[in-house]
């Protein structure tokens, strides 16, 4: 669920989304079960995770080139995150470096 704490301050959130979306999000932040936030979460995380995972799968299939992929940490965790998708599909096993 999106919360004010996901950003360093409200100004950062305000700068990254259109004004009408920002105002609607702030209005709905405390409104549990609201479809607006669920839709935002789906677009912000799930759909982007899916798109990035597909792109990474293409890179992994290309044995002729080397790729360096950088994504935000939020896209690496959770059930719909890139790592979970790659592991679920059996494409690769991710091991934590210690």
N, C-alpha and C. Protein backbone atom coordinates (compact mmCIF):
# COMPACT_ATOMS: atom_id res chain seq x y z
N UNK A 1 0.83 -1.17 0.00
CA UNK A 1 0.00 0.00 0.00
C UNK A 1 0.88 1.24 0.00
N UNK A 2 0.56 2.20 -0.77
CA UNK A 2 1.31 3.45 -0.83
C UNK A 2 1.11 4.21 0.46
N UNK A 3 2.18 4.75 0.98
CA UNK A 3 2.08 5.57 2.19
C UNK A 3 3.03 6.75 2.05
N UNK A 4 2.75 7.79 2.81
CA UNK A 4 3.61 8.98 2.75
C UNK A 4 5.06 8.62 3.04
N UNK A 5 5.30 7.66 3.92
CA UNK A 5 6.65 7.29 4.31
C UNK A 5 7.47 6.66 3.19
N UNK A 6 6.85 6.30 2.07
CA UNK A 6 7.60 5.71 0.96
C UNK A 6 8.50 6.74 0.30
N UNK A 7 8.21 7.98 0.50
CA UNK A 7 8.99 9.06 -0.06
C UNK A 7 9.59 9.86 1.08
N UNK A 8 10.69 10.53 0.82
CA UNK A 8 11.33 11.29 1.89
C UNK A 8 10.43 12.39 2.43
N UNK A 9 9.67 12.98 1.56
CA UNK A 9 8.69 13.97 1.99
C UNK A 9 7.60 14.07 0.93
N UNK A 10 6.54 14.74 1.28
CA UNK A 10 5.42 14.83 0.34
C UNK A 10 5.81 15.56 -0.93
N UNK A 11 6.77 16.47 -0.87
CA UNK A 11 7.19 17.21 -2.06
C UNK A 11 7.74 16.27 -3.13
N UNK A 12 8.46 15.22 -2.72
CA UNK A 12 9.00 14.27 -3.67
C UNK A 12 7.86 13.54 -4.39
N UNK A 13 6.87 13.10 -3.64
CA UNK A 13 5.71 12.45 -4.23
C UNK A 13 5.00 13.41 -5.17
N UNK A 14 4.81 14.63 -4.72
CA UNK A 14 4.11 15.63 -5.52
C UNK A 14 4.82 15.90 -6.83
N UNK A 15 6.14 15.86 -6.83
CA UNK A 15 6.92 16.14 -8.03
C UNK A 15 6.89 14.99 -9.03
N UNK A 16 6.55 13.79 -8.57
CA UNK A 16 6.64 12.61 -9.43
C UNK A 16 5.32 12.10 -9.98
N UNK A 17 4.21 12.69 -9.57
CA UNK A 17 2.92 12.29 -10.11
C UNK A 17 2.13 13.53 -10.49
N UNK A 18 1.24 13.42 -11.48
CA UNK A 18 0.43 14.57 -11.86
C UNK A 18 -0.37 15.11 -10.67
N UNK A 19 -0.63 16.41 -10.68
CA UNK A 19 -1.28 17.08 -9.55
C UNK A 19 -2.60 16.42 -9.16
N UNK A 20 -3.46 16.11 -10.14
CA UNK A 20 -4.75 15.51 -9.81
C UNK A 20 -4.60 14.13 -9.18
N UNK A 21 -3.58 13.38 -9.62
CA UNK A 21 -3.33 12.06 -9.03
C UNK A 21 -2.80 12.23 -7.61
N UNK A 22 -1.88 13.18 -7.43
CA UNK A 22 -1.31 13.46 -6.11
C UNK A 22 -2.40 13.81 -5.11
N UNK A 23 -3.29 14.71 -5.50
CA UNK A 23 -4.36 15.14 -4.59
C UNK A 23 -5.29 13.98 -4.26
N UNK A 24 -5.59 13.16 -5.25
CA UNK A 24 -6.45 12.01 -5.04
C UNK A 24 -5.78 10.99 -4.12
N UNK A 25 -4.47 10.78 -4.31
CA UNK A 25 -3.74 9.84 -3.46
C UNK A 25 -3.71 10.31 -2.02
N UNK A 26 -3.43 11.59 -1.81
CA UNK A 26 -3.38 12.10 -0.45
C UNK A 26 -4.75 11.97 0.22
N UNK A 27 -5.79 12.23 -0.53
CA UNK A 27 -7.15 12.11 0.01
C UNK A 27 -7.43 10.66 0.39
N UNK A 28 -6.93 9.71 -0.38
CA UNK A 28 -7.26 8.31 -0.19
C UNK A 28 -6.27 7.52 0.66
N UNK A 29 -5.16 8.14 1.07
CA UNK A 29 -4.13 7.40 1.80
C UNK A 29 -4.68 6.73 3.05
N UNK A 30 -5.57 7.40 3.77
CA UNK A 30 -6.12 6.83 5.00
C UNK A 30 -7.41 6.06 4.77
N UNK A 31 -7.80 5.93 3.54
CA UNK A 31 -9.07 5.30 3.20
C UNK A 31 -8.82 3.85 2.80
N UNK A 32 -8.81 2.92 3.76
CA UNK A 32 -8.49 1.53 3.50
C UNK A 32 -9.39 0.91 2.43
N UNK A 33 -8.82 0.07 1.60
CA UNK A 33 -9.57 -0.65 0.59
C UNK A 33 -9.98 0.18 -0.60
N UNK A 34 -9.45 1.37 -0.73
CA UNK A 34 -9.85 2.24 -1.82
C UNK A 34 -9.24 1.77 -3.13
N UNK A 35 -10.05 1.73 -4.17
CA UNK A 35 -9.60 1.27 -5.48
C UNK A 35 -8.53 2.12 -6.10
N UNK A 36 -8.48 3.41 -5.78
CA UNK A 36 -7.48 4.30 -6.35
C UNK A 36 -6.08 3.86 -5.97
N UNK A 37 -5.88 3.55 -4.70
CA UNK A 37 -4.55 3.14 -4.26
C UNK A 37 -4.19 1.76 -4.81
N UNK A 38 -5.16 0.88 -4.88
CA UNK A 38 -4.88 -0.44 -5.44
C UNK A 38 -4.48 -0.33 -6.90
N UNK A 39 -5.15 0.55 -7.62
CA UNK A 39 -4.81 0.76 -9.03
C UNK A 39 -3.42 1.36 -9.15
N UNK A 40 -3.10 2.32 -8.29
CA UNK A 40 -1.77 2.93 -8.31
C UNK A 40 -0.71 1.87 -8.00
N UNK A 41 -0.93 1.06 -6.96
CA UNK A 41 0.02 0.00 -6.61
C UNK A 41 0.23 -0.95 -7.78
N UNK A 42 -0.86 -1.32 -8.43
CA UNK A 42 -0.75 -2.26 -9.55
C UNK A 42 0.11 -1.67 -10.66
N UNK A 43 -0.13 -0.41 -11.00
CA UNK A 43 0.64 0.22 -12.07
C UNK A 43 2.07 0.50 -11.64
N UNK A 44 2.26 0.95 -10.42
CA UNK A 44 3.59 1.33 -9.92
C UNK A 44 4.48 0.12 -9.72
N UNK A 45 3.91 -0.98 -9.24
CA UNK A 45 4.74 -2.13 -8.89
C UNK A 45 4.51 -3.32 -9.81
N UNK A 46 3.33 -3.90 -9.78
CA UNK A 46 3.10 -5.15 -10.51
C UNK A 46 3.36 -5.04 -12.01
N UNK A 47 2.74 -4.08 -12.66
CA UNK A 47 2.91 -3.96 -14.10
C UNK A 47 4.35 -3.64 -14.47
N UNK A 48 4.98 -2.78 -13.71
CA UNK A 48 6.38 -2.45 -14.00
C UNK A 48 7.28 -3.63 -13.71
N UNK A 49 7.01 -4.38 -12.61
CA UNK A 49 7.79 -5.59 -12.32
C UNK A 49 7.68 -6.57 -13.48
N UNK A 50 6.46 -6.77 -13.97
CA UNK A 50 6.24 -7.70 -15.09
C UNK A 50 7.00 -7.26 -16.33
N UNK A 51 6.93 -5.98 -16.66
CA UNK A 51 7.64 -5.46 -17.84
C UNK A 51 9.15 -5.60 -17.70
N UNK A 52 9.67 -5.28 -16.52
CA UNK A 52 11.12 -5.38 -16.30
C UNK A 52 11.57 -6.83 -16.35
N UNK A 53 10.76 -7.74 -15.78
CA UNK A 53 11.11 -9.16 -15.79
C UNK A 53 11.18 -9.68 -17.22
N UNK A 54 10.23 -9.30 -18.04
CA UNK A 54 10.25 -9.72 -19.45
C UNK A 54 11.50 -9.21 -20.15
N UNK A 55 11.88 -7.99 -19.88
CA UNK A 55 13.08 -7.40 -20.50
C UNK A 55 14.33 -8.16 -20.04
N UNK A 56 14.40 -8.46 -18.75
CA UNK A 56 15.55 -9.18 -18.19
C UNK A 56 15.62 -10.59 -18.77
N UNK A 57 14.48 -11.24 -18.94
CA UNK A 57 14.48 -12.58 -19.55
C UNK A 57 15.07 -12.53 -20.96
N UNK A 58 14.78 -11.47 -21.68
CA UNK A 58 15.36 -11.30 -23.01
C UNK A 58 16.88 -11.16 -22.94
N UNK A 59 17.35 -10.40 -21.96
CA UNK A 59 18.80 -10.25 -21.78
C UNK A 59 19.45 -11.57 -21.43
N UNK A 60 18.80 -12.35 -20.54
CA UNK A 60 19.37 -13.64 -20.14
C UNK A 60 19.42 -14.62 -21.30
N UNK A 61 18.51 -14.50 -22.24
CA UNK A 61 18.48 -15.39 -23.40
C UNK A 61 19.53 -15.03 -24.44
N UNK A 62 20.09 -13.85 -24.35
CA UNK A 62 21.08 -13.36 -25.31
C UNK A 62 22.48 -13.75 -24.84
N UNK A 63 23.01 -14.82 -25.38
CA UNK A 63 24.33 -15.30 -24.96
C UNK A 63 25.47 -14.57 -25.66
N UNK A 64 25.16 -13.71 -26.61
CA UNK A 64 26.19 -13.00 -27.36
C UNK A 64 26.65 -11.71 -26.69
N UNK A 65 25.85 -11.19 -25.75
CA UNK A 65 26.16 -9.91 -25.14
C UNK A 65 26.10 -10.00 -23.62
N UNK A 66 26.70 -9.02 -22.97
CA UNK A 66 26.66 -8.90 -21.52
C UNK A 66 25.84 -7.68 -21.17
N UNK A 67 24.96 -7.82 -20.19
CA UNK A 67 24.10 -6.72 -19.78
C UNK A 67 24.28 -6.44 -18.29
N UNK A 68 24.20 -5.19 -17.93
CA UNK A 68 24.21 -4.76 -16.54
C UNK A 68 22.86 -4.10 -16.30
N UNK A 69 22.07 -4.70 -15.42
CA UNK A 69 20.70 -4.24 -15.20
C UNK A 69 20.61 -3.57 -13.84
N UNK A 70 20.03 -2.38 -13.82
CA UNK A 70 19.83 -1.65 -12.57
C UNK A 70 18.34 -1.35 -12.42
N UNK A 71 17.79 -1.74 -11.27
CA UNK A 71 16.38 -1.43 -10.98
C UNK A 71 16.31 -0.96 -9.54
N UNK A 72 15.22 -0.28 -9.22
CA UNK A 72 15.01 0.16 -7.85
C UNK A 72 14.78 -1.03 -6.93
N UNK A 73 15.20 -0.90 -5.68
CA UNK A 73 15.09 -1.99 -4.71
C UNK A 73 13.66 -2.47 -4.53
N UNK A 74 12.69 -1.59 -4.65
CA UNK A 74 11.29 -1.97 -4.48
C UNK A 74 10.82 -2.99 -5.49
N UNK A 75 11.51 -3.08 -6.62
CA UNK A 75 11.13 -4.03 -7.66
C UNK A 75 11.79 -5.39 -7.47
N UNK A 76 12.64 -5.52 -6.48
CA UNK A 76 13.34 -6.77 -6.25
C UNK A 76 12.65 -7.65 -5.21
N UNK A 77 11.75 -7.08 -4.44
CA UNK A 77 11.15 -7.80 -3.32
C UNK A 77 9.66 -8.08 -3.57
N UNK A 78 9.12 -8.94 -2.75
CA UNK A 78 7.68 -9.22 -2.81
C UNK A 78 7.33 -10.32 -3.78
N UNK A 79 6.09 -10.75 -3.70
CA UNK A 79 5.61 -11.85 -4.53
C UNK A 79 5.57 -11.55 -6.01
N UNK A 80 5.45 -10.28 -6.38
CA UNK A 80 5.42 -9.91 -7.80
C UNK A 80 6.75 -9.30 -8.24
N UNK A 81 7.73 -9.27 -7.35
CA UNK A 81 9.02 -8.68 -7.67
C UNK A 81 9.78 -9.47 -8.73
N UNK A 82 10.79 -8.85 -9.27
CA UNK A 82 11.58 -9.45 -10.35
C UNK A 82 12.21 -10.77 -9.92
N UNK A 83 12.79 -10.80 -8.73
CA UNK A 83 13.45 -12.03 -8.26
C UNK A 83 12.44 -13.17 -8.14
N UNK A 84 11.29 -12.89 -7.52
CA UNK A 84 10.27 -13.93 -7.36
C UNK A 84 9.80 -14.45 -8.71
N UNK A 85 9.62 -13.57 -9.67
CA UNK A 85 9.16 -14.01 -10.99
C UNK A 85 10.20 -14.87 -11.68
N UNK A 86 11.46 -14.48 -11.61
CA UNK A 86 12.52 -15.26 -12.26
C UNK A 86 12.68 -16.62 -11.60
N UNK A 87 12.59 -16.66 -10.28
CA UNK A 87 12.71 -17.94 -9.57
C UNK A 87 11.50 -18.83 -9.83
N UNK A 88 10.29 -18.27 -9.82
CA UNK A 88 9.07 -19.03 -10.05
C UNK A 88 9.08 -19.68 -11.43
N UNK A 89 9.59 -18.95 -12.39
CA UNK A 89 9.63 -19.49 -13.76
C UNK A 89 10.82 -20.42 -13.97
N UNK A 90 11.64 -20.60 -12.94
CA UNK A 90 12.79 -21.49 -13.02
C UNK A 90 13.90 -20.98 -13.91
N UNK A 91 13.91 -19.70 -14.17
CA UNK A 91 14.92 -19.12 -15.05
C UNK A 91 16.26 -19.04 -14.38
N UNK A 92 16.25 -18.69 -13.11
CA UNK A 92 17.50 -18.64 -12.37
C UNK A 92 17.22 -18.71 -10.88
N UNK A 93 18.23 -19.10 -10.16
CA UNK A 93 18.14 -19.12 -8.71
C UNK A 93 18.97 -17.96 -8.20
N UNK A 94 18.36 -17.12 -7.43
CA UNK A 94 19.05 -15.94 -6.90
C UNK A 94 19.59 -16.28 -5.52
N UNK A 95 20.87 -16.05 -5.33
CA UNK A 95 21.48 -16.29 -4.01
C UNK A 95 21.98 -14.96 -3.48
N UNK A 96 21.73 -14.76 -2.19
CA UNK A 96 22.18 -13.52 -1.55
C UNK A 96 23.67 -13.58 -1.33
N UNK A 97 24.34 -12.51 -1.68
CA UNK A 97 25.78 -12.40 -1.47
C UNK A 97 25.99 -11.91 -0.02
N UNK A 98 26.82 -12.61 0.69
CA UNK A 98 27.10 -12.22 2.09
C UNK A 98 28.51 -11.73 2.25
